Amino acid sequence: MTTRPTAALNIVFLQPTKTLLRRLNTYVVVVIPAWAVVVARAGDGAKSRLAAQVSFEQRQKLVLAMLADVIEVCARAAPEGVLAVVDTAAARSVVERGGAIALDDPGEGDMNSAVRLGIQAACARGARTVIVLPADLPLISVTDLNALAAAATARRAVIIGASHDGQGTNALLLRPPDVIAPTFGPPSLDRHIQAGLSAGALTVVRADLGLSFDIDTPADLAALRTKSPGPHTASVLQKLL
């Protein structure tokens, strides 16, 4: 580091060296004290309920675009880490391009087995809190993730981001990660509430978040076209019109 004094004003200008700049760039500021665990279902059966209106190739592009947006939002939220459990090579590429850790789906055809793998991997990396997210959340925002983290005001907490139909779970914050066993699949909202209460954990439902909107049906897809999804999803939607 070099200095340049000015006698008249008694100011010292500091010019960081390239070495110092490289060191500064290696520091990571953690805003959310949790690991994000994303589960992507991008295989042959992904979004099959859209098949009547959207071709297989288009569905694949939509799924990967939503995954890219979710990974980017997670990264901007600055958690302790981001990892994703994926079931295709294309999904792995999306995750790794976004700077996250990609793990291969255990191949049991069950989202909950993928969730368990993701949580175990996060715990192996030191996670004390996890936020589990499906990858089909086109309206997710950093504000959503901050809201989930802010609601976790106890040492034992289950914070649930409800789906827009009021039955499913679109986000699940767990502190500690094993406070309950996740059971995704409708009506998972009620199951997660009951599990949290039975575990003696602070249990909170947030139904007012952008991540409440997911894509399962043609009606969902039509509604999405009137909203403002992430950039990757928006680009794919334009080509579906």
Protein backbone atom coordinates (compact mmCIF):
# COMPACT_ATOMS: atom_id res chain seq x y z
CA MET A 1 0.00 0.00 0.00
CA THR A 2 1.31 3.44 -0.92
CA THR A 3 0.52 6.80 0.68
CA ARG A 4 0.53 10.31 -0.73
CA PRO A 5 0.55 13.11 1.92
CA THR A 6 -0.66 16.63 1.15
CA ALA A 7 0.89 19.24 3.45
CA ALA A 8 -1.76 21.94 2.99
CA LEU A 9 -4.71 19.86 4.11
CA ASN A 10 -2.88 17.19 6.10
CA ILE A 11 -4.73 14.45 4.22
CA VAL A 12 -3.28 11.06 3.44
CA PHE A 13 -4.55 9.30 0.33
CA LEU A 14 -4.34 5.54 0.55
CA GLN A 15 -3.79 3.58 -2.63
CA PRO A 16 -4.35 -0.16 -2.06
CA THR A 17 -1.96 -2.49 -3.80
CA LYS A 18 -3.16 -5.20 -6.19
CA THR A 19 -2.26 -7.81 -3.59
CA LEU A 20 -4.41 -6.13 -0.96
CA LEU A 21 -7.31 -5.82 -3.38
CA ARG A 22 -7.13 -9.55 -4.13
CA ARG A 23 -7.18 -10.28 -0.39
CA LEU A 24 -10.16 -7.99 0.16
CA ASN A 25 -12.04 -9.73 -2.63
CA THR A 26 -11.68 -13.07 -0.87
CA TYR A 27 -13.68 -11.93 2.15
CA VAL A 28 -17.35 -12.94 2.13
CA VAL A 29 -19.89 -10.90 4.06
CA VAL A 30 -22.58 -13.19 5.47
CA VAL A 31 -25.93 -11.43 5.82
CA ILE A 32 -28.14 -14.46 6.48
CA PRO A 33 -26.69 -16.94 9.01
CA ALA A 34 -27.97 -20.01 7.20
CA TRP A 35 -27.25 -22.33 4.30
CA ALA A 36 -29.64 -22.27 1.35
CA VAL A 37 -30.53 -25.76 0.14
CA VAL A 38 -32.22 -25.75 -3.26
CA VAL A 39 -33.87 -28.85 -4.70
CA ALA A 40 -34.25 -28.93 -8.49
CA ARG A 41 -36.50 -31.40 -10.27
CA ALA A 42 -35.38 -31.03 -13.86
CA GLY A 43 -35.68 -34.60 -15.15
CA ASP A 44 -38.02 -36.05 -17.76
CA GLY A 45 -41.12 -35.65 -15.61
CA ALA A 46 -40.50 -32.04 -14.63
CA LYS A 47 -43.58 -29.84 -14.93
CA SER A 48 -45.52 -32.61 -16.67
CA ARG A 49 -48.82 -30.88 -15.86
CA LEU A 50 -47.86 -28.23 -18.40
CA ALA A 51 -47.44 -30.81 -21.17
CA ALA A 52 -50.73 -30.00 -22.88
CA GLN A 53 -49.55 -26.45 -23.59
CA VAL A 54 -45.76 -26.53 -23.41
CA SER A 55 -43.41 -28.89 -25.21
CA PHE A 56 -40.84 -30.99 -23.37
CA GLU A 57 -38.01 -28.81 -24.65
CA GLN A 58 -39.77 -25.63 -23.55
CA ARG A 59 -40.51 -27.09 -20.12
CA GLN A 60 -36.86 -27.95 -19.71
CA LYS A 61 -35.84 -24.40 -20.57
CA LEU A 62 -38.40 -23.00 -18.12
CA VAL A 63 -37.26 -25.27 -15.29
CA LEU A 64 -33.60 -24.39 -15.80
CA ALA A 65 -34.40 -20.67 -16.07
CA MET A 66 -36.27 -20.71 -12.75
CA LEU A 67 -33.41 -22.62 -11.17
CA ALA A 68 -30.93 -20.02 -12.40
CA ASP A 69 -33.04 -17.21 -10.92
CA VAL A 70 -33.38 -18.98 -7.57
CA ILE A 71 -29.63 -19.60 -7.35
CA GLU A 72 -28.86 -15.97 -8.20
CA VAL A 73 -31.29 -14.64 -5.59
CA CYS A 74 -29.81 -16.94 -2.96
CA ALA A 75 -26.32 -15.71 -3.80
CA ARG A 76 -27.38 -12.06 -3.56
CA ALA A 77 -28.96 -12.70 -0.16
CA ALA A 78 -25.46 -13.62 1.10
CA PRO A 79 -26.13 -16.72 3.18
CA GLU A 80 -23.34 -18.82 4.63
CA GLY A 81 -23.49 -21.01 1.55
CA VAL A 82 -25.70 -22.20 -1.29
CA LEU A 83 -25.99 -25.75 -2.52
CA ALA A 84 -28.45 -27.47 -4.81
CA VAL A 85 -29.47 -31.08 -5.30
CA VAL A 86 -29.93 -31.70 -9.02
CA ASP A 87 -31.09 -34.60 -11.16
CA THR A 88 -29.68 -33.66 -14.58
CA ALA A 89 -26.35 -32.57 -16.00
CA ALA A 90 -27.97 -29.41 -17.39
CA ALA A 91 -29.20 -28.44 -13.93
CA ARG A 92 -25.74 -29.07 -12.49
CA SER A 93 -24.26 -26.68 -15.05
CA VAL A 94 -26.76 -23.96 -14.12
CA VAL A 95 -25.98 -24.32 -10.42
CA GLU A 96 -22.23 -24.27 -10.90
CA ARG A 97 -22.39 -21.26 -13.22
CA GLY A 98 -24.22 -19.49 -10.41
CA GLY A 99 -21.35 -20.20 -8.03
CA ALA A 100 -23.23 -22.72 -5.87
CA ILE A 101 -22.38 -26.30 -4.91
CA ALA A 102 -24.15 -28.95 -6.98
CA LEU A 103 -24.96 -32.38 -5.55
CA ASP A 104 -26.36 -35.33 -7.48
CA ASP A 105 -29.90 -36.32 -6.60
CA PRO A 106 -29.95 -39.72 -4.84
CA GLY A 107 -32.31 -40.92 -7.59
CA GLU A 108 -35.07 -42.23 -5.36
CA GLY A 109 -37.72 -40.18 -7.16
CA ASP A 110 -38.68 -38.47 -3.93
CA MET A 111 -38.13 -34.79 -3.19
CA ASN A 112 -37.73 -35.48 0.51
CA SER A 113 -34.78 -37.81 -0.05
CA ALA A 114 -33.13 -35.02 -2.05
CA VAL A 115 -33.90 -32.56 0.74
CA ARG A 116 -32.33 -34.88 3.30
CA LEU A 117 -29.19 -35.18 1.20
CA GLY A 118 -28.96 -31.40 0.85
CA ILE A 119 -29.40 -30.80 4.57
CA GLN A 120 -26.80 -33.44 5.42
CA ALA A 121 -24.33 -31.83 3.02
CA ALA A 122 -24.96 -28.39 4.52
CA CYS A 123 -24.47 -29.74 8.04
CA ALA A 124 -21.19 -31.35 6.98
CA ARG A 125 -20.10 -27.83 6.00
CA GLY A 126 -21.02 -26.40 9.40
CA ALA A 127 -24.62 -25.31 8.89
CA ARG A 128 -26.60 -24.58 12.04
CA THR A 129 -29.61 -23.25 10.14
CA VAL A 130 -30.86 -24.20 6.67
CA ILE A 131 -33.42 -22.73 4.31
CA VAL A 132 -34.83 -25.38 1.98
CA LEU A 133 -36.21 -24.11 -1.33
CA PRO A 134 -37.74 -25.77 -4.38
CA ALA A 135 -36.28 -24.48 -7.64
CA ASP A 136 -39.57 -23.40 -9.25
CA LEU A 137 -40.04 -20.07 -7.50
CA PRO A 138 -39.97 -17.44 -10.28
CA LEU A 139 -40.87 -14.50 -8.00
CA ILE A 140 -38.45 -15.23 -5.16
CA SER A 141 -36.53 -12.22 -3.87
CA VAL A 142 -33.78 -11.36 -1.44
CA THR A 143 -36.47 -9.68 0.66
CA ASP A 144 -38.24 -13.04 0.98
CA LEU A 145 -35.14 -14.75 2.33
CA ASN A 146 -34.45 -11.88 4.72
CA ALA A 147 -38.04 -12.15 6.00
CA LEU A 148 -37.64 -15.86 6.71
CA ALA A 149 -34.38 -15.27 8.55
CA ALA A 150 -35.84 -12.35 10.54
CA ALA A 151 -38.74 -14.52 11.72
CA ALA A 152 -36.35 -17.08 13.25
CA THR A 153 -35.94 -15.38 16.61
CA ALA A 154 -35.50 -18.54 18.69
CA ARG A 155 -32.80 -21.18 19.06
CA ARG A 156 -35.31 -23.74 17.77
CA ALA A 157 -37.35 -22.49 14.85
CA VAL A 158 -39.46 -23.74 11.96
CA ILE A 159 -40.29 -20.91 9.58
CA ILE A 160 -42.54 -21.88 6.68
CA GLY A 161 -43.06 -20.02 3.43
CA ALA A 162 -46.50 -21.16 2.33
CA SER A 163 -47.42 -21.78 -1.30
CA HIS A 164 -50.07 -19.54 -2.86
CA ASP A 165 -52.73 -22.27 -2.66
CA GLY A 166 -52.30 -22.45 1.12
CA GLN A 167 -51.44 -26.16 1.10
CA GLY A 168 -47.81 -26.54 0.17
CA THR A 169 -44.42 -25.41 1.45
CA ASN A 170 -42.27 -23.22 -0.79
CA ALA A 171 -39.60 -22.46 1.79
CA LEU A 172 -38.64 -24.13 5.03
CA LEU A 173 -36.17 -22.62 7.49
CA LEU A 174 -34.98 -25.11 10.07
CA ARG A 175 -32.93 -24.26 13.17
CA PRO A 176 -31.22 -26.50 14.02
CA PRO A 177 -31.32 -28.37 10.71
CA ASP A 178 -32.72 -31.49 12.38
CA VAL A 179 -35.42 -29.72 14.39
CA ILE A 180 -38.02 -31.58 12.28
CA ALA A 181 -37.95 -34.00 9.35
CA PRO A 182 -39.13 -32.19 6.19
CA THR A 183 -42.14 -33.78 4.49
CA PHE A 184 -42.66 -31.91 1.23
CA GLY A 185 -45.67 -32.69 -0.93
CA PRO A 186 -49.20 -31.30 -0.40
CA PRO A 187 -50.57 -30.74 2.16
CA SER A 188 -47.09 -30.25 3.59
CA LEU A 189 -47.93 -26.88 5.14
CA ASP A 190 -50.10 -28.44 7.83
CA ARG A 191 -47.63 -31.26 8.39
CA HIS A 192 -44.74 -28.85 8.87
CA ILE A 193 -46.77 -26.70 11.25
CA GLN A 194 -47.70 -29.67 13.40
CA ALA A 195 -44.16 -31.03 13.34
CA GLY A 196 -42.75 -27.68 14.43
CA LEU A 197 -45.21 -27.34 17.30
CA SER A 198 -44.61 -30.93 18.40
CA ALA A 199 -40.87 -30.25 18.45
CA GLY A 200 -41.37 -27.29 20.76
CA ALA A 201 -39.95 -24.93 18.15
CA LEU A 202 -40.97 -21.41 17.30
CA THR A 203 -43.28 -22.09 14.35
CA VAL A 204 -44.16 -19.26 11.97
CA VAL A 205 -45.98 -19.27 8.62
CA ARG A 206 -45.30 -16.53 6.07
CA ALA A 207 -47.94 -16.52 3.34
CA ASP A 208 -47.21 -13.03 2.01
CA LEU A 209 -43.93 -13.60 0.21
CA GLY A 210 -43.12 -13.56 -3.48
CA LEU A 211 -41.84 -17.11 -3.20
CA SER A 212 -45.38 -18.27 -2.46
CA PHE A 213 -45.96 -18.35 -6.21
CA ASP A 214 -44.82 -21.55 -7.90
CA ILE A 215 -45.46 -23.11 -11.29
CA ASP A 216 -47.43 -26.35 -11.51
CA THR A 217 -50.41 -25.81 -13.81
CA PRO A 218 -51.26 -23.96 -17.04
CA ALA A 219 -53.18 -21.45 -14.89
CA ASP A 220 -50.01 -20.74 -12.93
CA LEU A 221 -48.09 -20.20 -16.16
CA ALA A 222 -50.76 -17.81 -17.46
CA ALA A 223 -50.68 -15.87 -14.19
CA LEU A 224 -46.88 -15.66 -14.31
CA ARG A 225 -47.08 -13.80 -17.60
CA THR A 226 -48.76 -10.90 -15.77
CA LYS A 227 -46.03 -10.72 -13.12
CA SER A 228 -42.34 -9.79 -12.98
CA PRO A 229 -40.24 -12.94 -12.66
CA GLY A 230 -36.47 -13.14 -12.55
CA PRO A 231 -34.50 -12.31 -15.70
CA HIS A 232 -33.83 -15.88 -16.84
CA THR A 233 -37.48 -16.88 -16.42
CA ALA A 234 -38.69 -13.69 -18.11
CA SER A 235 -36.50 -14.42 -21.13
CA VAL A 236 -37.92 -17.93 -21.52
CA LEU A 237 -41.50 -16.70 -21.04
CA GLN A 238 -41.13 -14.27 -23.92
CA LYS A 239 -40.34 -17.19 -26.22
CA LEU A 240 -43.35 -19.17 -24.97
CA LEU A 241 -45.83 -16.46 -25.97
